[in-house]
Structures are given as structure tokens and as C-alpha cells.
Amino acid sequence: MQNYLYRNTGRLWVSVIVVSIIFSAVHFSAYGFLSRLALGIILGLLYQYSGKLWLSILAHFINNATAVLVMYVAKMDGKSMQAVLSDKEGSYLGFLALPVIIFLFIQYRKNTKTSLTASDGV
């Protein structure tokens, strides 16, 4: 869908944001909508800049595996599953990761030679 939008509009951010909104909405939960939207944008840009879907799939897997691991550790520390799921501390930690993610994207773009145009067919 992102490819289709990008090829037809030539607007990278429009295609990434629209698909990211859909990505977040199909999880059918208002809780975490913005964090999933941010993840969708990151995954969409990763795909668009690399041209490789497997990198976005790997990043999505790492994100989910980290979340499961954090929940498992909290559960082993004696928290109830309800307390683990309602804990909002992780959301704030995500904001701290944002500068790191932006830095990594800038470094990735500097180290890649590919140029991004709507006619590339990515």
C-alpha cells in the first residue's frame, strides 16, 4: 500500500503517515495508538530508505520481542498481568529513545548511496 501511494503521489511523508495510521488502527486498540503510529512511521521510513522489506520485519520483530521480554521480567518480579499491561512507564521511556532513533536514521541515510525518487518503484 505504501508503494502504491508513493508511486501515485510522489510524496514520501503522505504515503508513510497514511499507512502508519492504518497500521496502528488495525491493532483495534486506542491505548498505544500514538506509539504504534510512531513505530509505523519508523518501519515505513526504514523500508522506503532501504528498499528492503525484511529490515522492517526484523525491526518489528525486535520491538515485539523486547515488549514481551519486558512483560515477562515484570511478571517474574511479582506484578500481576493487569499491572504490567496498565504500566505507563514504558511509554515515557519511548520518548527517550526518540533522539537515538533519529540519530540512527541520519547515520543510515549518510551511509547509504541510494537516492529516493517516486519513479524508483520502491
PDB file of N, CA and C in Angstrom:
ATOM      1  N   MET A   1       0.823  -1.180   0.000  1.00  0.00           N
ATOM      2  CA  MET A   1       0.000   0.000   0.000  1.00  0.00           C
ATOM      3  C   MET A   1       0.881   1.263   0.000  1.00  0.00           C
ATOM      4  N   GLN A   2       1.955   1.215   0.770  1.00  0.00           N
ATOM      5  CA  GLN A   2       2.863   2.366   0.826  1.00  0.00           C
ATOM      6  C   GLN A   2       3.490   2.617  -0.542  1.00  0.00           C
ATOM      7  N   ASN A   3       3.902   1.552  -1.204  1.00  0.00           N
ATOM      8  CA  ASN A   3       4.466   1.711  -2.547  1.00  0.00           C
ATOM      9  C   ASN A   3       3.461   2.358  -3.494  1.00  0.00           C
ATOM     10  N   TYR A   4       2.237   1.872  -3.452  1.00  0.00           N
ATOM     11  CA  TYR A   4       1.190   2.387  -4.329  1.00  0.00           C
ATOM     12  C   TYR A   4       0.986   3.887  -4.087  1.00  0.00           C
ATOM     13  N   LEU A   5       0.843   4.271  -2.822  1.00  0.00           N
ATOM     14  CA  LEU A   5       0.649   5.688  -2.512  1.00  0.00           C
ATOM     15  C   LEU A   5       1.842   6.526  -2.936  1.00  0.00           C
ATOM     16  N   TYR A   6       3.026   6.022  -2.679  1.00  0.00           N
ATOM     17  CA  TYR A   6       4.231   6.792  -3.009  1.00  0.00           C
ATOM     18  C   TYR A   6       4.392   6.958  -4.521  1.00  0.00           C
ATOM     19  N   ARG A   7       4.164   5.881  -5.249  1.00  0.00           N
ATOM     20  CA  ARG A   7       4.281   5.971  -6.715  1.00  0.00           C
ATOM     21  C   ARG A   7       3.245   6.911  -7.308  1.00  0.00           C
ATOM     22  N   ASN A   8       2.032   6.917  -6.750  1.00  0.00           N
ATOM     23  CA  ASN A   8       0.963   7.723  -7.320  1.00  0.00           C
ATOM     24  C   ASN A   8       0.937   9.163  -6.833  1.00  0.00           C
ATOM     25  N   THR A   9       1.506   9.422  -5.668  1.00  0.00           N
ATOM     26  CA  THR A   9       1.503  10.800  -5.169  1.00  0.00           C
ATOM     27  C   THR A   9       2.890  11.437  -5.268  1.00  0.00           C
ATOM     28  N   GLY A  10       3.928  10.614  -5.221  1.00  0.00           N
ATOM     29  CA  GLY A  10       5.283  11.140  -5.206  1.00  0.00           C
ATOM     30  C   GLY A  10       5.631  11.812  -3.888  1.00  0.00           C
ATOM     31  N   ARG A  11       4.815  11.597  -2.882  1.00  0.00           N
ATOM     32  CA  ARG A  11       5.004  12.252  -1.585  1.00  0.00           C
ATOM     33  C   ARG A  11       5.303  11.192  -0.523  1.00  0.00           C
ATOM     34  N   LEU A  12       6.562  11.152  -0.146  1.00  0.00           N
ATOM     35  CA  LEU A  12       7.030  10.155   0.813  1.00  0.00           C
ATOM     36  C   LEU A  12       6.276  10.231   2.136  1.00  0.00           C
ATOM     37  N   TRP A  13       6.218  11.416   2.716  1.00  0.00           N
ATOM     38  CA  TRP A  13       5.609  11.540   4.044  1.00  0.00           C
ATOM     39  C   TRP A  13       4.120  11.238   4.039  1.00  0.00           C
ATOM     40  N   VAL A  14       3.425  11.605   2.981  1.00  0.00           N
ATOM     41  CA  VAL A  14       1.994  11.285   2.900  1.00  0.00           C
ATOM     42  C   VAL A  14       1.801   9.779   2.894  1.00  0.00           C
ATOM     43  N   SER A  15       2.565   9.073   2.080  1.00  0.00           N
ATOM     44  CA  SER A  15       2.410   7.618   1.995  1.00  0.00           C
ATOM     45  C   SER A  15       2.784   6.940   3.311  1.00  0.00           C
ATOM     46  N   VAL A  16       3.866   7.365   3.938  1.00  0.00           N
ATOM     47  CA  VAL A  16       4.303   6.747   5.187  1.00  0.00           C
ATOM     48  C   VAL A  16       3.300   7.014   6.309  1.00  0.00           C
ATOM     49  N   ILE A  17       2.828   8.237   6.432  1.00  0.00           N
ATOM     50  CA  ILE A  17       1.916   8.574   7.531  1.00  0.00           C
ATOM     51  C   ILE A  17       0.546   7.917   7.346  1.00  0.00           C
ATOM     52  N   VAL A  18       0.016   7.932   6.134  1.00  0.00           N
ATOM     53  CA  VAL A  18      -1.288   7.294   5.903  1.00  0.00           C
ATOM     54  C   VAL A  18      -1.220   5.800   6.221  1.00  0.00           C
ATOM     55  N   VAL A  19      -0.184   5.133   5.754  1.00  0.00           N
ATOM     56  CA  VAL A  19      -0.054   3.691   6.004  1.00  0.00           C
ATOM     57  C   VAL A  19       0.213   3.436   7.490  1.00  0.00           C
ATOM     58  N   SER A  20       0.932   4.332   8.155  1.00  0.00           N
ATOM     59  CA  SER A  20       1.195   4.177   9.583  1.00  0.00           C
ATOM     60  C   SER A  20      -0.081   4.336  10.403  1.00  0.00           C
ATOM     61  N   ILE A  21      -0.951   5.233   9.999  1.00  0.00           N
ATOM     62  CA  ILE A  21      -2.246   5.375  10.678  1.00  0.00           C
ATOM     63  C   ILE A  21      -3.053   4.095  10.533  1.00  0.00           C
ATOM     64  N   ILE A  22      -3.056   3.535   9.337  1.00  0.00           N
ATOM     65  CA  ILE A  22      -3.769   2.274   9.115  1.00  0.00           C
ATOM     66  C   ILE A  22      -3.121   1.155   9.938  1.00  0.00           C
ATOM     67  N   PHE A  23      -1.779   1.104   9.956  1.00  0.00           N
ATOM     68  CA  PHE A  23      -1.040   0.108  10.739  1.00  0.00           C
ATOM     69  C   PHE A  23      -1.461   0.157  12.206  1.00  0.00           C
ATOM     70  N   SER A  24      -1.558   1.357  12.756  1.00  0.00           N
ATOM     71  CA  SER A  24      -1.939   1.493  14.153  1.00  0.00           C
ATOM     72  C   SER A  24      -3.412   1.160  14.368  1.00  0.00           C
ATOM     73  N   ALA A  25      -4.252   1.559  13.439  1.00  0.00           N
ATOM     74  CA  ALA A  25      -5.696   1.333  13.583  1.00  0.00           C
ATOM     75  C   ALA A  25      -6.065  -0.146  13.526  1.00  0.00           C
ATOM     76  N   VAL A  26      -5.353  -0.936  12.725  1.00  0.00           N
ATOM     77  CA  VAL A  26      -5.722  -2.353  12.603  1.00  0.00           C
ATOM     78  C   VAL A  26      -5.389  -3.159  13.854  1.00  0.00           C
ATOM     79  N   HIS A  27      -4.730  -2.551  14.826  1.00  0.00           N
ATOM     80  CA  HIS A  27      -4.498  -3.229  16.096  1.00  0.00           C
ATOM     81  C   HIS A  27      -5.733  -3.139  16.997  1.00  0.00           C
ATOM     82  N   PHE A  28      -6.723  -2.351  16.591  1.00  0.00           N
ATOM     83  CA  PHE A  28      -8.025  -2.238  17.264  1.00  0.00           C
ATOM     84  C   PHE A  28      -7.902  -1.925  18.754  1.00  0.00           C
ATOM     85  N   SER A  29      -7.045  -0.979  19.078  1.00  0.00           N
ATOM     86  CA  SER A  29      -6.894  -0.554  20.469  1.00  0.00           C
ATOM     87  C   SER A  29      -6.494   0.912  20.492  1.00  0.00           C
ATOM     88  N   ALA A  30      -7.276   1.705  21.221  1.00  0.00           N
ATOM     89  CA  ALA A  30      -6.952   3.127  21.330  1.00  0.00           C
ATOM     90  C   ALA A  30      -5.707   3.318  22.186  1.00  0.00           C
ATOM     91  N   TYR A  31      -5.532   2.441  23.195  1.00  0.00           N
ATOM     92  CA  TYR A  31      -4.345   2.520  24.047  1.00  0.00           C
ATOM     93  C   TYR A  31      -3.119   2.188  23.201  1.00  0.00           C
ATOM     94  N   GLY A  32      -2.168   3.059  23.199  1.00  0.00           N
ATOM     95  CA  GLY A  32      -0.940   2.825  22.446  1.00  0.00           C
ATOM     96  C   GLY A  32      -1.026   3.230  20.986  1.00  0.00           C
ATOM     97  N   PHE A  33      -2.106   3.917  20.594  1.00  0.00           N
ATOM     98  CA  PHE A  33      -2.253   4.296  19.191  1.00  0.00           C
ATOM     99  C   PHE A  33      -1.069   5.129  18.714  1.00  0.00           C
ATOM    100  N   LEU A  34      -0.682   6.121  19.519  1.00  0.00           N
ATOM    101  CA  LEU A  34       0.405   7.017  19.097  1.00  0.00           C
ATOM    102  C   LEU A  34       1.754   6.303  19.040  1.00  0.00           C
ATOM    103  N   SER A  35       2.003   5.410  19.988  1.00  0.00           N
ATOM    104  CA  SER A  35       3.276   4.681  19.943  1.00  0.00           C
ATOM    105  C   SER A  35       3.320   3.736  18.744  1.00  0.00           C
ATOM    106  N   ARG A  36       2.190   3.112  18.407  1.00  0.00           N
ATOM    107  CA  ARG A  36       2.155   2.261  17.208  1.00  0.00           C
ATOM    108  C   ARG A  36       2.256   3.105  15.947  1.00  0.00           C
ATOM    109  N   LEU A  37       1.678   4.297  15.966  1.00  0.00           N
ATOM    110  CA  LEU A  37       1.804   5.213  14.832  1.00  0.00           C
ATOM    111  C   LEU A  37       3.274   5.575  14.623  1.00  0.00           C
ATOM    112  N   ALA A  38       3.966   5.895  15.708  1.00  0.00           N
ATOM    113  CA  ALA A  38       5.398   6.223  15.616  1.00  0.00           C
ATOM    114  C   ALA A  38       6.190   5.024  15.099  1.00  0.00           C
ATOM    115  N   LEU A  39       5.871   3.837  15.596  1.00  0.00           N
ATOM    116  CA  LEU A  39       6.542   2.631  15.107  1.00  0.00           C
ATOM    117  C   LEU A  39       6.272   2.432  13.621  1.00  0.00           C
ATOM    118  N   GLY A  40       5.034   2.665  13.200  1.00  0.00           N
ATOM    119  CA  GLY A  40       4.695   2.539  11.785  1.00  0.00           C
ATOM    120  C   GLY A  40       5.480   3.505  10.913  1.00  0.00           C
ATOM    121  N   ILE A  41       5.669   4.724  11.407  1.00  0.00           N
ATOM    122  CA  ILE A  41       6.450   5.708  10.654  1.00  0.00           C
ATOM    123  C   ILE A  41       7.898   5.255  10.543  1.00  0.00           C
ATOM    124  N   ILE A  42       8.455   4.779  11.650  1.00  0.00           N
ATOM    125  CA  ILE A  42       9.837   4.300  11.635  1.00  0.00           C
ATOM    126  C   ILE A  42       9.993   3.123  10.685  1.00  0.00           C
ATOM    127  N   LEU A  43       9.078   2.161  10.764  1.00  0.00           N
ATOM    128  CA  LEU A  43       9.160   0.992   9.885  1.00  0.00           C
ATOM    129  C   LEU A  43       8.961   1.380   8.427  1.00  0.00           C
ATOM    130  N   GLY A  44       8.036   2.306   8.176  1.00  0.00           N
ATOM    131  CA  GLY A  44       7.793   2.765   6.808  1.00  0.00           C
ATOM    132  C   GLY A  44       8.995   3.479   6.221  1.00  0.00           C
ATOM    133  N   LEU A  45       9.627   4.340   7.026  1.00  0.00           N
ATOM    134  CA  LEU A  45      10.827   5.035   6.544  1.00  0.00           C
ATOM    135  C   LEU A  45      11.984   4.064   6.345  1.00  0.00           C
ATOM    136  N   LEU A  46      12.106   3.108   7.248  1.00  0.00           N
ATOM    137  CA  LEU A  46      13.162   2.108   7.108  1.00  0.00           C
ATOM    138  C   LEU A  46      12.997   1.348   5.798  1.00  0.00           C
ATOM    139  N   TYR A  47      11.775   0.962   5.500  1.00  0.00           N
ATOM    140  CA  TYR A  47      11.520   0.267   4.234  1.00  0.00           C
ATOM    141  C   TYR A  47      11.793   1.185   3.045  1.00  0.00           C
ATOM    142  N   GLN A  48      11.289   2.411   3.128  1.00  0.00           N
ATOM    143  CA  GLN A  48      11.424   3.323   1.998  1.00  0.00           C
ATOM    144  C   GLN A  48      12.884   3.662   1.714  1.00  0.00           C
ATOM    145  N   TYR A  49      13.662   3.887   2.751  1.00  0.00           N
ATOM    146  CA  TYR A  49      15.069   4.249   2.567  1.00  0.00           C
ATOM    147  C   TYR A  49      15.939   3.068   2.164  1.00  0.00           C
ATOM    148  N   SER A  50      15.590   1.874   2.637  1.00  0.00           N
ATOM    149  CA  SER A  50      16.426   0.708   2.326  1.00  0.00           C
ATOM    150  C   SER A  50      15.946  -0.034   1.089  1.00  0.00           C
ATOM    151  N   GLY A  51      14.634   0.002   0.843  1.00  0.00           N
ATOM    152  CA  GLY A  51      14.079  -0.779  -0.256  1.00  0.00           C
ATOM    153  C   GLY A  51      13.977  -2.256   0.079  1.00  0.00           C
ATOM    154  N   LYS A  52      14.200  -2.587   1.341  1.00  0.00           N
ATOM    155  CA  LYS A  52      14.190  -3.988   1.779  1.00  0.00           C
ATOM    156  C   LYS A  52      13.127  -4.183   2.860  1.00  0.00           C
ATOM    157  N   LEU A  53      12.132  -4.970   2.547  1.00  0.00           N
ATOM    158  CA  LEU A  53      11.046  -5.226   3.485  1.00  0.00           C
ATOM    159  C   LEU A  53      11.532  -6.001   4.711  1.00  0.00           C
ATOM    160  N   TRP A  54      12.505  -6.873   4.538  1.00  0.00           N
ATOM    161  CA  TRP A  54      12.966  -7.697   5.653  1.00  0.00           C
ATOM    162  C   TRP A  54      13.534  -6.864   6.789  1.00  0.00           C
ATOM    163  N   LEU A  55      14.107  -5.679   6.514  1.00  0.00           N
ATOM    164  CA  LEU A  55      14.613  -4.831   7.590  1.00  0.00           C
ATOM    165  C   LEU A  55      13.470  -4.322   8.470  1.00  0.00           C
ATOM    166  N   SER A  56      12.367  -3.954   7.860  1.00  0.00           N
ATOM    167  CA  SER A  56      11.204  -3.516   8.634  1.00  0.00           C
ATOM    168  C   SER A  56      10.605  -4.676   9.422  1.00  0.00           C
ATOM    169  N   ILE A  57      10.569  -5.844   8.816  1.00  0.00           N
ATOM    170  CA  ILE A  57      10.054  -7.029   9.519  1.00  0.00           C
ATOM    171  C   ILE A  57      10.945  -7.354  10.715  1.00  0.00           C
ATOM    172  N   LEU A  58      12.253  -7.295  10.527  1.00  0.00           N
ATOM    173  CA  LEU A  58      13.189  -7.557  11.623  1.00  0.00           C
ATOM    174  C   LEU A  58      13.024  -6.520  12.737  1.00  0.00           C
ATOM    175  N   ALA A  59      12.899  -5.252  12.383  1.00  0.00           N
ATOM    176  CA  ALA A  59      12.712  -4.204  13.386  1.00  0.00           C
ATOM    177  C   ALA A  59      11.399  -4.400  14.150  1.00  0.00           C
ATOM    178  N   HIS A  60      10.346  -4.800  13.460  1.00  0.00           N
ATOM    179  CA  HIS A  60       9.059  -5.067  14.098  1.00  0.00           C
ATOM    180  C   HIS A  60       9.192  -6.250  15.053  1.00  0.00           C
ATOM    181  N   PHE A  61       9.892  -7.283  14.639  1.00  0.00           N
ATOM    182  CA  PHE A  61      10.122  -8.454  15.493  1.00  0.00           C
ATOM    183  C   PHE A  61      10.897  -8.055  16.748  1.00  0.00           C
ATOM    184  N   ILE A  62      11.949  -7.273  16.587  1.00  0.00           N
ATOM    185  CA  ILE A  62      12.760  -6.839  17.734  1.00  0.00           C
ATOM    186  C   ILE A  62      11.915  -6.006  18.695  1.00  0.00           C
ATOM    187  N   ASN A  63      11.091  -5.120  18.168  1.00  0.00           N
ATOM    188  CA  ASN A  63      10.199  -4.323  19.001  1.00  0.00           C
ATOM    189  C   ASN A  63       9.258  -5.211  19.805  1.00  0.00           C
ATOM    190  N   ASN A  64       8.611  -6.157  19.138  1.00  0.00           N
ATOM    191  CA  ASN A  64       7.671  -7.033  19.830  1.00  0.00           C
ATOM    192  C   ASN A  64       8.377  -7.949  20.824  1.00  0.00           C
ATOM    193  N   ALA A  65       9.540  -8.466  20.443  1.00  0.00           N
ATOM    194  CA  ALA A  65      10.294  -9.346  21.345  1.00  0.00           C
ATOM    195  C   ALA A  65      10.722  -8.587  22.595  1.00  0.00           C
ATOM    196  N   THR A  66      11.124  -7.346  22.432  1.00  0.00           N
ATOM    197  CA  THR A  66      11.511  -6.521  23.585  1.00  0.00           C
ATOM    198  C   THR A  66      10.322  -6.301  24.505  1.00  0.00           C
ATOM    199  N   ALA A  67       9.170  -6.009  23.935  1.00  0.00           N
ATOM    200  CA  ALA A  67       7.963  -5.796  24.741  1.00  0.00           C
ATOM    201  C   ALA A  67       7.594  -7.064  25.512  1.00  0.00           C
ATOM    202  N   VAL A  68       7.664  -8.205  24.863  1.00  0.00           N
ATOM    203  CA  VAL A  68       7.349  -9.471  25.533  1.00  0.00           C
ATOM    204  C   VAL A  68       8.356  -9.747  26.647  1.00  0.00           C
ATOM    205  N   LEU A  69       9.621  -9.496  26.392  1.00  0.00           N
ATOM    206  CA  LEU A  69      10.664  -9.714  27.396  1.00  0.00           C
ATOM    207  C   LEU A  69      10.454  -8.807  28.612  1.00  0.00           C
ATOM    208  N   VAL A  70      10.134  -7.543  28.375  1.00  0.00           N
ATOM    209  CA  VAL A  70       9.878  -6.614  29.479  1.00  0.00           C
ATOM    210  C   VAL A  70       8.670  -7.071  30.284  1.00  0.00           C
ATOM    211  N   MET A  71       7.617  -7.514  29.616  1.00  0.00           N
ATOM    212  CA  MET A  71       6.435  -8.008  30.317  1.00  0.00           C
ATOM    213  C   MET A  71       6.764  -9.267  31.117  1.00  0.00           C
ATOM    214  N   TYR A  72       7.562 -10.148  30.558  1.00  0.00           N
ATOM    215  CA  TYR A  72       7.947 -11.383  31.248  1.00  0.00           C
ATOM    216  C   TYR A  72       8.740 -11.071  32.514  1.00  0.00           C
ATOM    217  N   VAL A  73       9.699 -10.169  32.410  1.00  0.00           N
ATOM    218  CA  VAL A  73      10.519  -9.804  33.566  1.00  0.00           C
ATOM    219  C   VAL A  73       9.646  -9.167  34.649  1.00  0.00           C
ATOM    220  N   ALA A  74       8.736  -8.279  34.254  1.00  0.00           N
ATOM    221  CA  ALA A  74       7.842  -7.644  35.229  1.00  0.00           C
ATOM    222  C   ALA A  74       6.960  -8.686  35.903  1.00  0.00           C
ATOM    223  N   LYS A  75       6.488  -9.641  35.144  1.00  0.00           N
ATOM    224  CA  LYS A  75       5.648 -10.721  35.687  1.00  0.00           C
ATOM    225  C   LYS A  75       6.461 -11.566  36.666  1.00  0.00           C
ATOM    226  N   MET A  76       7.713 -11.838  36.344  1.00  0.00           N
ATOM    227  CA  MET A  76       8.569 -12.626  37.229  1.00  0.00           C
ATOM    228  C   MET A  76       8.908 -11.860  38.514  1.00  0.00           C
ATOM    229  N   ASP A  77       8.845 -10.536  38.452  1.00  0.00           N
ATOM    230  CA  ASP A  77       9.086  -9.714  39.642  1.00  0.00           C
ATOM    231  C   ASP A  77       7.855  -9.633  40.533  1.00  0.00           C
ATOM    232  N   GLY A  78       6.793 -10.330  40.167  1.00  0.00           N
ATOM    233  CA  GLY A  78       5.613 -10.411  41.014  1.00  0.00           C
ATOM    234  C   GLY A  78       4.470  -9.495  40.638  1.00  0.00           C
ATOM    235  N   LYS A  79       4.594  -8.739  39.556  1.00  0.00           N
ATOM    236  CA  LYS A  79       3.486  -7.881  39.140  1.00  0.00           C
ATOM    237  C   LYS A  79       2.397  -8.735  38.499  1.00  0.00           C
ATOM    238  N   SER A  80       1.155  -8.324  38.707  1.00  0.00           N
ATOM    239  CA  SER A  80       0.060  -9.009  38.030  1.00  0.00           C
ATOM    240  C   SER A  80       0.056  -8.603  36.553  1.00  0.00           C
ATOM    241  N   MET A  81      -0.549  -9.424  35.731  1.00  0.00           N
ATOM    242  CA  MET A  81      -0.608  -9.113  34.303  1.00  0.00           C
ATOM    243  C   MET A  81      -1.357  -7.813  34.071  1.00  0.00           C
ATOM    244  N   GLN A  82      -2.402  -7.549  34.860  1.00  0.00           N
ATOM    245  CA  GLN A  82      -3.146  -6.294  34.735  1.00  0.00           C
ATOM    246  C   GLN A  82      -2.240  -5.104  35.040  1.00  0.00           C
ATOM    247  N   ALA A  83      -1.407  -5.230  36.084  1.00  0.00           N
ATOM    248  CA  ALA A  83      -0.483  -4.143  36.435  1.00  0.00           C
ATOM    249  C   ALA A  83       0.574  -3.960  35.352  1.00  0.00           C
ATOM    250  N   VAL A  84       1.029  -5.061  34.783  1.00  0.00           N
ATOM    251  CA  VAL A  84       2.040  -4.987  33.721  1.00  0.00           C
ATOM    252  C   VAL A  84       1.462  -4.271  32.502  1.00  0.00           C
ATOM    253  N   LEU A  85       0.251  -4.625  32.124  1.00  0.00           N
ATOM    254  CA  LEU A  85      -0.372  -4.045  30.935  1.00  0.00           C
ATOM    255  C   LEU A  85      -0.793  -2.592  31.143  1.00  0.00           C
ATOM    256  N   SER A  86      -1.068  -2.191  32.367  1.00  0.00           N
ATOM    257  CA  SER A  86      -1.503  -0.814  32.602  1.00  0.00           C
ATOM    258  C   SER A  86      -0.338   0.100  32.980  1.00  0.00           C
ATOM    259  N   ASP A  87       0.863  -0.433  33.053  1.00  0.00           N
ATOM    260  CA  ASP A  87       2.042   0.359  33.418  1.00  0.00           C
ATOM    261  C   ASP A  87       2.371   1.331  32.294  1.00  0.00           C
ATOM    262  N   LYS A  88       2.435   2.608  32.610  1.00  0.00           N
ATOM    263  CA  LYS A  88       2.660   3.630  31.596  1.00  0.00           C
ATOM    264  C   LYS A  88       4.112   4.090  31.536  1.00  0.00           C
ATOM    265  N   GLU A  89       4.972   3.564  32.392  1.00  0.00           N
ATOM    266  CA  GLU A  89       6.372   3.991  32.407  1.00  0.00           C
ATOM    267  C   GLU A  89       7.060   3.722  31.073  1.00  0.00           C
ATOM    268  N   GLY A  90       6.756   2.621  30.446  1.00  0.00           N
ATOM    269  CA  GLY A  90       7.373   2.278  29.173  1.00  0.00           C
ATOM    270  C   GLY A  90       7.082   3.284  28.083  1.00  0.00           C
ATOM    271  N   SER A  91       5.909   3.902  28.135  1.00  0.00           N
ATOM    272  CA  SER A  91       5.560   4.915  27.135  1.00  0.00           C
ATOM    273  C   SER A  91       6.494   6.107  27.219  1.00  0.00           C
ATOM    274  N   TYR A  92       6.837   6.489  28.440  1.00  0.00           N
ATOM    275  CA  TYR A  92       7.732   7.628  28.616  1.00  0.00           C
ATOM    276  C   TYR A  92       9.156   7.282  28.211  1.00  0.00           C
ATOM    277  N   LEU A  93       9.544   6.042  28.422  1.00  0.00           N
ATOM    278  CA  LEU A  93      10.877   5.613  28.007  1.00  0.00           C
ATOM    279  C   LEU A  93      11.012   5.655  26.489  1.00  0.00           C
ATOM    280  N   GLY A  94       9.902   5.442  25.787  1.00  0.00           N
ATOM    281  CA  GLY A  94       9.917   5.514  24.330  1.00  0.00           C
ATOM    282  C   GLY A  94      10.313   6.896  23.827  1.00  0.00           C
ATOM    283  N   PHE A  95       9.899   7.929  24.555  1.00  0.00           N
ATOM    284  CA  PHE A  95      10.282   9.293  24.173  1.00  0.00           C
ATOM    285  C   PHE A  95      11.784   9.508  24.323  1.00  0.00           C
ATOM    286  N   LEU A  96      12.374   8.850  25.296  1.00  0.00           N
ATOM    287  CA  LEU A  96      13.820   8.957  25.482  1.00  0.00           C
ATOM    288  C   LEU A  96      14.575   8.271  24.346  1.00  0.00           C
ATOM    289  N   ALA A  97      13.962   7.268  23.746  1.00  0.00           N
ATOM    290  CA  ALA A  97      14.599   6.548  22.644  1.00  0.00           C
ATOM    291  C   ALA A  97      14.520   7.331  21.337  1.00  0.00           C
ATOM    292  N   LEU A  98      13.627   8.285  21.254  1.00  0.00           N
ATOM    293  CA  LEU A  98      13.420   9.027  20.015  1.00  0.00           C
ATOM    294  C   LEU A  98      14.683   9.709  19.482  1.00  0.00           C
ATOM    295  N   PRO A  99      15.458  10.412  20.302  1.00  0.00           N
ATOM    296  CA  PRO A  99      16.693  11.009  19.766  1.00  0.00           C
ATOM    297  C   PRO A  99      17.670   9.964  19.228  1.00  0.00           C
ATOM    298  N   VAL A 100      17.722   8.814  19.870  1.00  0.00           N
ATOM    299  CA  VAL A 100      18.610   7.740  19.404  1.00  0.00           C
ATOM    300  C   VAL A 100      18.151   7.247  18.042  1.00  0.00           C
ATOM    301  N   ILE A 101      16.853   7.063  17.875  1.00  0.00           N
ATOM    302  CA  ILE A 101      16.310   6.592  16.599  1.00  0.00           C
ATOM    303  C   ILE A 101      16.572   7.618  15.497  1.00  0.00           C
ATOM    304  N   ILE A 102      16.353   8.885  15.796  1.00  0.00           N
ATOM    305  CA  ILE A 102      16.608   9.933  14.801  1.00  0.00           C
ATOM    306  C   ILE A 102      18.078   9.950  14.411  1.00  0.00           C
ATOM    307  N   PHE A 103      18.960   9.854  15.395  1.00  0.00           N
ATOM    308  CA  PHE A 103      20.396   9.806  15.123  1.00  0.00           C
ATOM    309  C   PHE A 103      20.746   8.614  14.227  1.00  0.00           C
ATOM    310  N   LEU A 104      20.191   7.452  14.538  1.00  0.00           N
ATOM    311  CA  LEU A 104      20.480   6.258  13.738  1.00  0.00           C
ATOM    312  C   LEU A 104      19.981   6.412  12.298  1.00  0.00           C
ATOM    313  N   PHE A 105      18.806   7.032  12.113  1.00  0.00           N
ATOM    314  CA  PHE A 105      18.300   7.268  10.762  1.00  0.00           C
ATOM    315  C   PHE A 105      19.211   8.217   9.990  1.00  0.00           C
ATOM    316  N   ILE A 106      19.668   9.260  10.658  1.00  0.00           N
ATOM    317  CA  ILE A 106      20.569  10.212   9.992  1.00  0.00           C
ATOM    318  C   ILE A 106      21.852   9.508   9.572  1.00  0.00           C
ATOM    319  N   GLN A 107      22.399   8.689  10.455  1.00  0.00           N
ATOM    320  CA  GLN A 107      23.616   7.947  10.134  1.00  0.00           C
ATOM    321  C   GLN A 107      23.366   6.960   8.991  1.00  0.00           C
ATOM    322  N   TYR A 108      22.211   6.306   9.024  1.00  0.00           N
ATOM    323  CA  TYR A 108      21.875   5.348   7.961  1.00  0.00           C
ATOM    324  C   TYR A 108      21.799   6.054   6.607  1.00  0.00           C
ATOM    325  N   ARG A 109      21.139   7.203   6.591  1.00  0.00           N
ATOM    326  CA  ARG A 109      20.998   7.944   5.335  1.00  0.00           C
ATOM    327  C   ARG A 109      22.352   8.437   4.826  1.00  0.00           C
ATOM    328  N   LYS A 110      23.238   8.822   5.719  1.00  0.00           N
ATOM    329  CA  LYS A 110      24.566   9.273   5.314  1.00  0.00           C
ATOM    330  C   LYS A 110      25.377   8.126   4.712  1.00  0.00           C
ATOM    331  N   ASN A 111      25.166   6.925   5.214  1.00  0.00           N
ATOM    332  CA  ASN A 111      25.961   5.774   4.790  1.00  0.00           C
ATOM    333  C   ASN A 111      25.371   5.012   3.605  1.00  0.00           C
ATOM    334  N   THR A 112      24.188   5.394   3.172  1.00  0.00           N
ATOM    335  CA  THR A 112      23.595   4.735   2.007  1.00  0.00           C
ATOM    336  C   THR A 112      23.736   5.641   0.798  1.00  0.00           C
ATOM    337  N   LYS A 113      23.910   5.029  -0.317  1.00  0.00           N
ATOM    338  CA  LYS A 113      24.124   5.791  -1.553  1.00  0.00           C
ATOM    339  C   LYS A 113      22.849   5.933  -2.375  1.00  0.00           C
ATOM    340  N   THR A 114      21.770   5.257  -1.947  1.00  0.00           N
ATOM    341  CA  THR A 114      20.551   5.257  -2.749  1.00  0.00           C
ATOM    342  C   THR A 114      19.853   6.603  -2.668  1.00  0.00           C
ATOM    343  N   SER A 115      19.328   7.032  -3.779  1.00  0.00           N
ATOM    344  CA  SER A 115      18.532   8.244  -3.798  1.00  0.00           C
ATOM    345  C   SER A 115      17.072   7.848  -3.857  1.00  0.00           C
ATOM    346  N   LEU A 116      16.226   8.693  -3.358  1.00  0.00           N
ATOM    347  CA  LEU A 116      14.817   8.380  -3.227  1.00  0.00           C
ATOM    348  C   LEU A 116      14.013   9.217  -4.224  1.00  0.00           C
ATOM    349  N   THR A 117      13.419   8.547  -5.208  1.00  0.00           N
ATOM    350  CA  THR A 117      12.533   9.243  -6.124  1.00  0.00           C
ATOM    351  C   THR A 117      11.280   8.409  -6.306  1.00  0.00           C
ATOM    352  N   ALA A 118      10.186   9.054  -6.667  1.00  0.00           N
ATOM    353  CA  ALA A 118       8.908   8.347  -6.812  1.00  0.00           C
ATOM    354  C   ALA A 118       8.955   7.373  -7.974  1.00  0.00           C
ATOM    355  N   SER A 119       9.823   7.577  -8.924  1.00  0.00           N
ATOM    356  CA  SER A 119       9.879   6.689 -10.083  1.00  0.00           C
ATOM    357  C   SER A 119      10.755   5.470  -9.842  1.00  0.00           C
ATOM    358  N   ASP A 120      11.389   5.371  -8.663  1.00  0.00           N
ATOM    359  CA  ASP A 120      12.252   4.220  -8.382  1.00  0.00           C
ATOM    360  C   ASP A 120      11.470   2.926  -8.272  1.00  0.00           C
ATOM    361  N   GLY A 121      10.187   3.007  -7.934  1.00  0.00           N
ATOM    362  CA  GLY A 121       9.396   1.806  -7.806  1.00  0.00           C
ATOM    363  C   GLY A 121       9.604   1.092  -6.488  1.00  0.00           C
ATOM    364  N   VAL A 122      10.146   1.792  -5.502  1.00  0.00           N
ATOM    365  CA  VAL A 122      10.333   1.165  -4.185  1.00  0.00           C
ATOM    366  C   VAL A 122       9.057   1.145  -3.400  1.00  0.00           C
TER     367      VAL A 122
END
